[in-house]
Amino acid sequence: MVLEPVPCPTCGSTDVVKHGQSETGKQRYKCRNRECNRRTFIRDYAYRGYLPDVKQQIADMAVNGSGIRDTARVLRISPTTVIEALKKRSSSAIDQSSSVS
């Protein structure tokens, strides 16, 4: 029996434990690294909008002037997901800039 370590997608730490299951029955994991700001994650998301790469593409397309519906159509996700990702991104940027000052 071979145990494969599960790395945290945010910090890369392998100090990860199982943390129940999602509503769709997928295994949920919890990162135990105290400096990591991500609490739980799933290895294989069923919906593309949750993937970190897709969230980065949303931000890149917004910077380049693509609209919400255009971004949603190109990435094959919901326009609501695009809006929420941009809201979270802008609020985290505001939080980081206020803590730097």
N, C-alpha and C. Protein backbone atom coordinates (compact mmCIF):
# COMPACT_ATOMS: atom_id res chain seq x y z
N MET A 1 0.84 -1.18 0.00
CA MET A 1 0.00 0.00 0.00
C MET A 1 0.89 1.25 0.00
N VAL A 2 0.66 2.11 -0.95
CA VAL A 2 1.46 3.32 -1.09
C VAL A 2 0.58 4.52 -0.73
N LEU A 3 1.08 5.35 0.17
CA LEU A 3 0.37 6.56 0.55
C LEU A 3 0.92 7.73 -0.24
N GLU A 4 0.04 8.41 -0.95
CA GLU A 4 0.46 9.55 -1.75
C GLU A 4 0.16 10.83 -0.98
N PRO A 5 1.17 11.67 -0.71
CA PRO A 5 0.91 12.91 0.02
C PRO A 5 0.05 13.87 -0.81
N VAL A 6 -0.87 14.54 -0.15
CA VAL A 6 -1.75 15.50 -0.80
C VAL A 6 -1.23 16.89 -0.49
N PRO A 7 -0.72 17.63 -1.49
CA PRO A 7 -0.23 18.98 -1.21
C PRO A 7 -1.36 20.00 -1.22
N CYS A 8 -1.23 21.00 -0.39
CA CYS A 8 -2.19 22.11 -0.38
C CYS A 8 -1.98 22.92 -1.64
N PRO A 9 -3.04 23.26 -2.38
CA PRO A 9 -2.86 24.03 -3.61
C PRO A 9 -2.40 25.46 -3.38
N THR A 10 -2.56 25.99 -2.17
CA THR A 10 -2.16 27.37 -1.89
C THR A 10 -0.71 27.46 -1.43
N CYS A 11 -0.36 26.70 -0.39
CA CYS A 11 0.98 26.83 0.19
C CYS A 11 1.92 25.69 -0.19
N GLY A 12 1.39 24.59 -0.72
CA GLY A 12 2.23 23.46 -1.11
C GLY A 12 2.60 22.53 0.02
N SER A 13 2.14 22.81 1.23
CA SER A 13 2.46 21.97 2.39
C SER A 13 1.77 20.61 2.27
N THR A 14 2.43 19.57 2.77
CA THR A 14 1.82 18.25 2.77
C THR A 14 1.24 17.91 4.15
N ASP A 15 1.17 18.90 5.03
CA ASP A 15 0.55 18.72 6.35
C ASP A 15 -0.96 18.89 6.18
N VAL A 16 -1.58 17.87 5.58
CA VAL A 16 -2.99 17.91 5.20
C VAL A 16 -3.69 16.70 5.78
N VAL A 17 -4.92 16.90 6.26
CA VAL A 17 -5.72 15.80 6.80
C VAL A 17 -7.07 15.77 6.09
N LYS A 18 -7.71 14.61 6.10
CA LYS A 18 -9.04 14.49 5.54
C LYS A 18 -10.02 15.29 6.39
N HIS A 19 -11.01 15.89 5.73
CA HIS A 19 -11.94 16.78 6.44
C HIS A 19 -13.37 16.58 5.94
N GLY A 20 -13.82 15.33 5.90
CA GLY A 20 -15.19 15.04 5.49
C GLY A 20 -15.34 14.98 3.98
N GLN A 21 -16.60 15.08 3.53
CA GLN A 21 -16.89 15.02 2.11
C GLN A 21 -17.75 16.20 1.70
N SER A 22 -17.66 16.55 0.42
CA SER A 22 -18.49 17.63 -0.10
C SER A 22 -19.90 17.11 -0.35
N GLU A 23 -20.79 18.00 -0.79
CA GLU A 23 -22.17 17.61 -1.07
C GLU A 23 -22.25 16.60 -2.21
N THR A 24 -21.29 16.66 -3.12
CA THR A 24 -21.28 15.74 -4.26
C THR A 24 -20.53 14.44 -3.96
N GLY A 25 -20.03 14.29 -2.73
CA GLY A 25 -19.37 13.06 -2.33
C GLY A 25 -17.87 13.05 -2.55
N LYS A 26 -17.29 14.17 -2.90
CA LYS A 26 -15.84 14.23 -3.10
C LYS A 26 -15.14 14.46 -1.77
N GLN A 27 -13.93 13.91 -1.65
CA GLN A 27 -13.15 14.03 -0.42
C GLN A 27 -12.69 15.47 -0.22
N ARG A 28 -12.94 16.01 0.97
CA ARG A 28 -12.49 17.35 1.32
C ARG A 28 -11.25 17.21 2.22
N TYR A 29 -10.29 18.12 2.06
CA TYR A 29 -9.06 18.10 2.84
C TYR A 29 -8.90 19.42 3.58
N LYS A 30 -8.13 19.39 4.67
CA LYS A 30 -7.87 20.57 5.47
C LYS A 30 -6.36 20.75 5.61
N CYS A 31 -5.88 21.97 5.29
CA CYS A 31 -4.46 22.28 5.44
C CYS A 31 -4.21 22.68 6.89
N ARG A 32 -3.18 22.07 7.51
CA ARG A 32 -2.90 22.36 8.91
C ARG A 32 -1.74 23.34 9.09
N ASN A 33 -1.25 23.90 7.99
CA ASN A 33 -0.20 24.91 8.05
C ASN A 33 -0.82 26.21 8.57
N ARG A 34 -0.30 26.75 9.66
CA ARG A 34 -0.90 27.94 10.28
C ARG A 34 -0.75 29.19 9.43
N GLU A 35 0.29 29.27 8.60
CA GLU A 35 0.48 30.46 7.76
C GLU A 35 -0.37 30.42 6.49
N CYS A 36 -0.95 29.29 6.17
CA CYS A 36 -1.77 29.15 4.96
C CYS A 36 -3.14 29.77 5.21
N ASN A 37 -3.61 30.60 4.28
CA ASN A 37 -4.91 31.24 4.47
C ASN A 37 -6.06 30.42 3.92
N ARG A 38 -5.78 29.26 3.35
CA ARG A 38 -6.82 28.38 2.84
C ARG A 38 -7.13 27.32 3.88
N ARG A 39 -8.39 27.18 4.22
CA ARG A 39 -8.77 26.22 5.24
C ARG A 39 -9.01 24.83 4.66
N THR A 40 -9.94 24.71 3.74
CA THR A 40 -10.25 23.41 3.16
C THR A 40 -10.17 23.48 1.64
N PHE A 41 -10.01 22.30 1.02
CA PHE A 41 -9.98 22.24 -0.43
C PHE A 41 -10.35 20.84 -0.88
N ILE A 42 -10.67 20.73 -2.16
CA ILE A 42 -11.00 19.46 -2.81
C ILE A 42 -9.99 19.29 -3.93
N ARG A 43 -9.50 18.09 -4.14
CA ARG A 43 -8.50 17.86 -5.18
C ARG A 43 -9.06 18.01 -6.58
N ASP A 44 -10.21 17.43 -6.85
CA ASP A 44 -10.79 17.45 -8.20
C ASP A 44 -12.16 18.10 -8.15
N TYR A 45 -12.21 19.38 -8.51
CA TYR A 45 -13.48 20.10 -8.50
C TYR A 45 -14.34 19.67 -9.68
N ALA A 46 -15.64 19.57 -9.45
CA ALA A 46 -16.57 19.22 -10.52
C ALA A 46 -16.88 20.43 -11.38
N TYR A 47 -16.84 21.62 -10.82
CA TYR A 47 -17.18 22.85 -11.54
C TYR A 47 -15.90 23.63 -11.82
N ARG A 48 -15.68 23.98 -13.09
CA ARG A 48 -14.44 24.65 -13.51
C ARG A 48 -14.23 26.00 -12.83
N GLY A 49 -15.29 26.68 -12.43
CA GLY A 49 -15.18 28.00 -11.84
C GLY A 49 -14.43 28.04 -10.52
N TYR A 50 -14.26 26.90 -9.87
CA TYR A 50 -13.55 26.84 -8.59
C TYR A 50 -12.04 26.69 -8.75
N LEU A 51 -11.59 26.37 -9.94
CA LEU A 51 -10.17 26.13 -10.16
C LEU A 51 -9.36 27.42 -10.08
N PRO A 52 -8.21 27.39 -9.41
CA PRO A 52 -7.38 28.60 -9.29
C PRO A 52 -6.93 29.15 -10.65
N ASP A 53 -6.67 28.27 -11.62
CA ASP A 53 -6.25 28.73 -12.95
C ASP A 53 -7.36 29.52 -13.62
N VAL A 54 -8.59 29.08 -13.46
CA VAL A 54 -9.72 29.78 -14.06
C VAL A 54 -9.92 31.13 -13.39
N LYS A 55 -9.75 31.19 -12.08
CA LYS A 55 -9.87 32.47 -11.38
C LYS A 55 -8.80 33.46 -11.84
N GLN A 56 -7.60 32.96 -12.12
CA GLN A 56 -6.54 33.83 -12.63
C GLN A 56 -6.89 34.31 -14.03
N GLN A 57 -7.46 33.44 -14.85
CA GLN A 57 -7.87 33.84 -16.20
C GLN A 57 -8.97 34.90 -16.15
N ILE A 58 -9.87 34.79 -15.18
CA ILE A 58 -10.93 35.79 -15.01
C ILE A 58 -10.29 37.15 -14.76
N ALA A 59 -9.33 37.21 -13.86
CA ALA A 59 -8.67 38.47 -13.54
C ALA A 59 -7.91 39.01 -14.74
N ASP A 60 -7.21 38.14 -15.46
CA ASP A 60 -6.45 38.58 -16.64
C ASP A 60 -7.37 39.13 -17.72
N MET A 61 -8.49 38.47 -17.95
CA MET A 61 -9.43 38.94 -18.97
C MET A 61 -10.06 40.26 -18.57
N ALA A 62 -10.32 40.45 -17.27
CA ALA A 62 -10.90 41.71 -16.81
C ALA A 62 -9.92 42.86 -17.01
N VAL A 63 -8.64 42.62 -16.74
CA VAL A 63 -7.62 43.65 -16.93
C VAL A 63 -7.50 44.02 -18.41
N ASN A 64 -7.68 43.03 -19.28
CA ASN A 64 -7.57 43.27 -20.72
C ASN A 64 -8.85 43.80 -21.35
N GLY A 65 -9.87 44.07 -20.54
CA GLY A 65 -11.07 44.72 -21.03
C GLY A 65 -12.20 43.81 -21.47
N SER A 66 -12.13 42.53 -21.20
CA SER A 66 -13.23 41.64 -21.55
C SER A 66 -14.39 41.84 -20.59
N GLY A 67 -15.59 41.76 -21.10
CA GLY A 67 -16.78 41.91 -20.27
C GLY A 67 -17.08 40.64 -19.50
N ILE A 68 -18.05 40.75 -18.61
CA ILE A 68 -18.41 39.61 -17.76
C ILE A 68 -19.00 38.48 -18.58
N ARG A 69 -19.94 38.80 -19.47
CA ARG A 69 -20.57 37.74 -20.28
C ARG A 69 -19.59 37.11 -21.25
N ASP A 70 -18.71 37.93 -21.81
CA ASP A 70 -17.69 37.41 -22.73
C ASP A 70 -16.75 36.45 -21.99
N THR A 71 -16.31 36.85 -20.80
CA THR A 71 -15.43 36.01 -19.99
C THR A 71 -16.12 34.69 -19.64
N ALA A 72 -17.38 34.77 -19.25
CA ALA A 72 -18.13 33.56 -18.88
C ALA A 72 -18.27 32.63 -20.07
N ARG A 73 -18.54 33.18 -21.24
CA ARG A 73 -18.72 32.35 -22.44
C ARG A 73 -17.41 31.68 -22.85
N VAL A 74 -16.31 32.42 -22.82
CA VAL A 74 -15.01 31.87 -23.23
C VAL A 74 -14.55 30.79 -22.26
N LEU A 75 -14.72 31.01 -20.96
CA LEU A 75 -14.25 30.05 -19.95
C LEU A 75 -15.27 28.97 -19.63
N ARG A 76 -16.47 29.07 -20.21
CA ARG A 76 -17.56 28.11 -19.99
C ARG A 76 -17.95 27.99 -18.52
N ILE A 77 -18.15 29.14 -17.89
CA ILE A 77 -18.61 29.20 -16.51
C ILE A 77 -19.76 30.19 -16.43
N SER A 78 -20.37 30.30 -15.28
CA SER A 78 -21.50 31.19 -15.08
C SER A 78 -21.04 32.65 -14.97
N PRO A 79 -21.82 33.60 -15.50
CA PRO A 79 -21.49 35.01 -15.30
C PRO A 79 -21.48 35.40 -13.82
N THR A 80 -22.30 34.74 -13.02
CA THR A 80 -22.31 35.00 -11.58
C THR A 80 -20.98 34.62 -10.96
N THR A 81 -20.38 33.53 -11.42
CA THR A 81 -19.07 33.12 -10.92
C THR A 81 -18.02 34.16 -11.27
N VAL A 82 -18.10 34.73 -12.46
CA VAL A 82 -17.15 35.77 -12.87
C VAL A 82 -17.28 36.98 -11.95
N ILE A 83 -18.50 37.41 -11.71
CA ILE A 83 -18.74 38.58 -10.85
C ILE A 83 -18.21 38.33 -9.44
N GLU A 84 -18.53 37.18 -8.87
CA GLU A 84 -18.09 36.87 -7.51
C GLU A 84 -16.57 36.78 -7.41
N ALA A 85 -15.92 36.20 -8.42
CA ALA A 85 -14.45 36.10 -8.41
C ALA A 85 -13.83 37.50 -8.45
N LEU A 86 -14.40 38.38 -9.26
CA LEU A 86 -13.87 39.74 -9.35
C LEU A 86 -14.12 40.52 -8.06
N LYS A 87 -15.27 40.31 -7.43
CA LYS A 87 -15.55 40.97 -6.16
C LYS A 87 -14.55 40.53 -5.09
N LYS A 88 -14.33 39.23 -4.99
CA LYS A 88 -13.39 38.71 -3.99
C LYS A 88 -11.98 39.21 -4.26
N ARG A 89 -11.61 39.26 -5.53
CA ARG A 89 -10.27 39.71 -5.89
C ARG A 89 -10.06 41.18 -5.53
N SER A 90 -11.08 42.00 -5.79
CA SER A 90 -10.93 43.43 -5.50
C SER A 90 -10.96 43.69 -3.99
N SER A 91 -11.77 42.95 -3.25
CA SER A 91 -11.80 43.17 -1.80
C SER A 91 -10.51 42.69 -1.14
N SER A 92 -9.91 41.64 -1.65
CA SER A 92 -8.64 41.19 -1.07
C SER A 92 -7.51 42.16 -1.43
N ALA A 93 -7.58 42.78 -2.60
CA ALA A 93 -6.57 43.77 -2.98
C ALA A 93 -6.70 45.01 -2.10
N ILE A 94 -7.94 45.39 -1.77
CA ILE A 94 -8.16 46.54 -0.89
C ILE A 94 -7.65 46.24 0.51
N ASP A 95 -7.92 45.03 1.01
CA ASP A 95 -7.46 44.63 2.34
C ASP A 95 -5.93 44.64 2.42
N GLN A 96 -5.27 44.16 1.37
CA GLN A 96 -3.81 44.10 1.37
C GLN A 96 -3.20 45.50 1.31
N SER A 97 -3.81 46.38 0.52
CA SER A 97 -3.25 47.74 0.42
C SER A 97 -3.45 48.54 1.69
N SER A 98 -4.56 48.29 2.42
CA SER A 98 -4.77 49.02 3.67
C SER A 98 -3.86 48.51 4.78
N SER A 99 -3.47 47.23 4.72
CA SER A 99 -2.57 46.69 5.75
C SER A 99 -1.14 47.13 5.51
N VAL A 100 -0.78 47.46 4.25
CA VAL A 100 0.56 47.91 3.92
C VAL A 100 0.79 49.34 4.40
N SER A 101 -0.23 50.18 4.30
CA SER A 101 -0.09 51.59 4.65
C SER A 101 0.15 51.82 6.11
